[in-house]
């Protein structure tokens, strides 16, 4: 967490917000005092319960007053309100209970300072910390980019479309890429050049790159990625369809220290969206990485991948500036994306999950995934990946359930 004044905020504004916070604190103290005494002496509620009631209601009052008059928080939804309220209670629990107890223990029992002095001294520490946590965490104002700013950023993103043989779905993928609400850059790359791919590239005036050598998933992805000259690169698979707001959402969540962005997706089967259990489970497993703070922590990034590959590969936008010119370096053939995501998860920086369904992921018999399931290569590589997280005996247990996810194909 960075304790840094908001952009455009003067030192005077910062000090004034601290003074207002202090006034709210005084009001809060009187409210707490009134609730404790009223509930205990008037309604004969036990003292411990009276104190809990005073804490709950006084912090709720602080939440309302701080939001309205001190930090002037503008909420986007009910979820945003509840999220801020939850963080407010955590903040006051830490400073008002945990930190106060620790300081009092040190001052009174270790240093021999009288309680009435220690109580005043504690305020010098707890009030500023409480203010900083509220300002920069609980009530933190996320910078919201305007549509004009997002459109200006469009030049930093490229869709690198990987084309293979004569796919009946390629043109549909291309149309979804070029018809984005915020148009960005795009290219087509292939190791199986043919007239159909070339004609589509010419029809839509898309840069076209051909790789020499035998077709290989990892080499093909690296080739497409390397030909993109922008900071952000999405390796688009020819079978899939991107929602019109895909690029806009990626750019809206941009930060220079984010290694990669991945979005939610719709399973797409026989020309229609068909939600399945796999996609819902993946949402749950990635829940912590949608938080911009937690998505920087190695534990949460790695944990989100420990029960399977939760990231939809074509939904990912990679930060080429941070990841370099060659991103896929796995020895695996099918689980190379999972292996790559694990490699990135262990790096310093965010792996951010955007919980919006921004891609229709096509499931069909001609998909490469289907081929790897049929020849059993997927299962063997999934076992290799699970062994990177777990002892073999736990892997064996997980695989008994994980193989059921193959039924989607």
Foldseek 3Di string as FASTA:
>chain_A
DDLDDDPPQDPVLVVVLLVQLVVLVVVLVVQLVVQQCCCCVPVVDDNVVSNVVSLVVSLVSSLVSCCVPRQVADDPDPVLSVQLSVLSSVLCCCLVPVQLVVQQCCCCVVVNHDPVVSVVVSCVPSSVSSSSCSDCPSRDDDDFDDPVRLLVCQAQEEALEEDEDQDPQQLQQVCLQCQAPRHHAYAYEYQHDDPNVVVSCVVVVHHYYYDHDDDAVQVSQLVSLLPDPHQKYQHAYRNKHFANCLSVVDSRPDDPQAFKEFEQAFAAEPHHGDDDPLSVVLCVLLVQQQDQVSQQDLVSQLSSPLLHQSGDRRRMMGRCVVCDSRQQDDPARPCSVSVSSNVVSPDGGGHHYHYDHGMHHYDDCPDPLNVCVVVVVVVVVRLVVNVVPDPNVVSVVSSVVVVVVSVVD
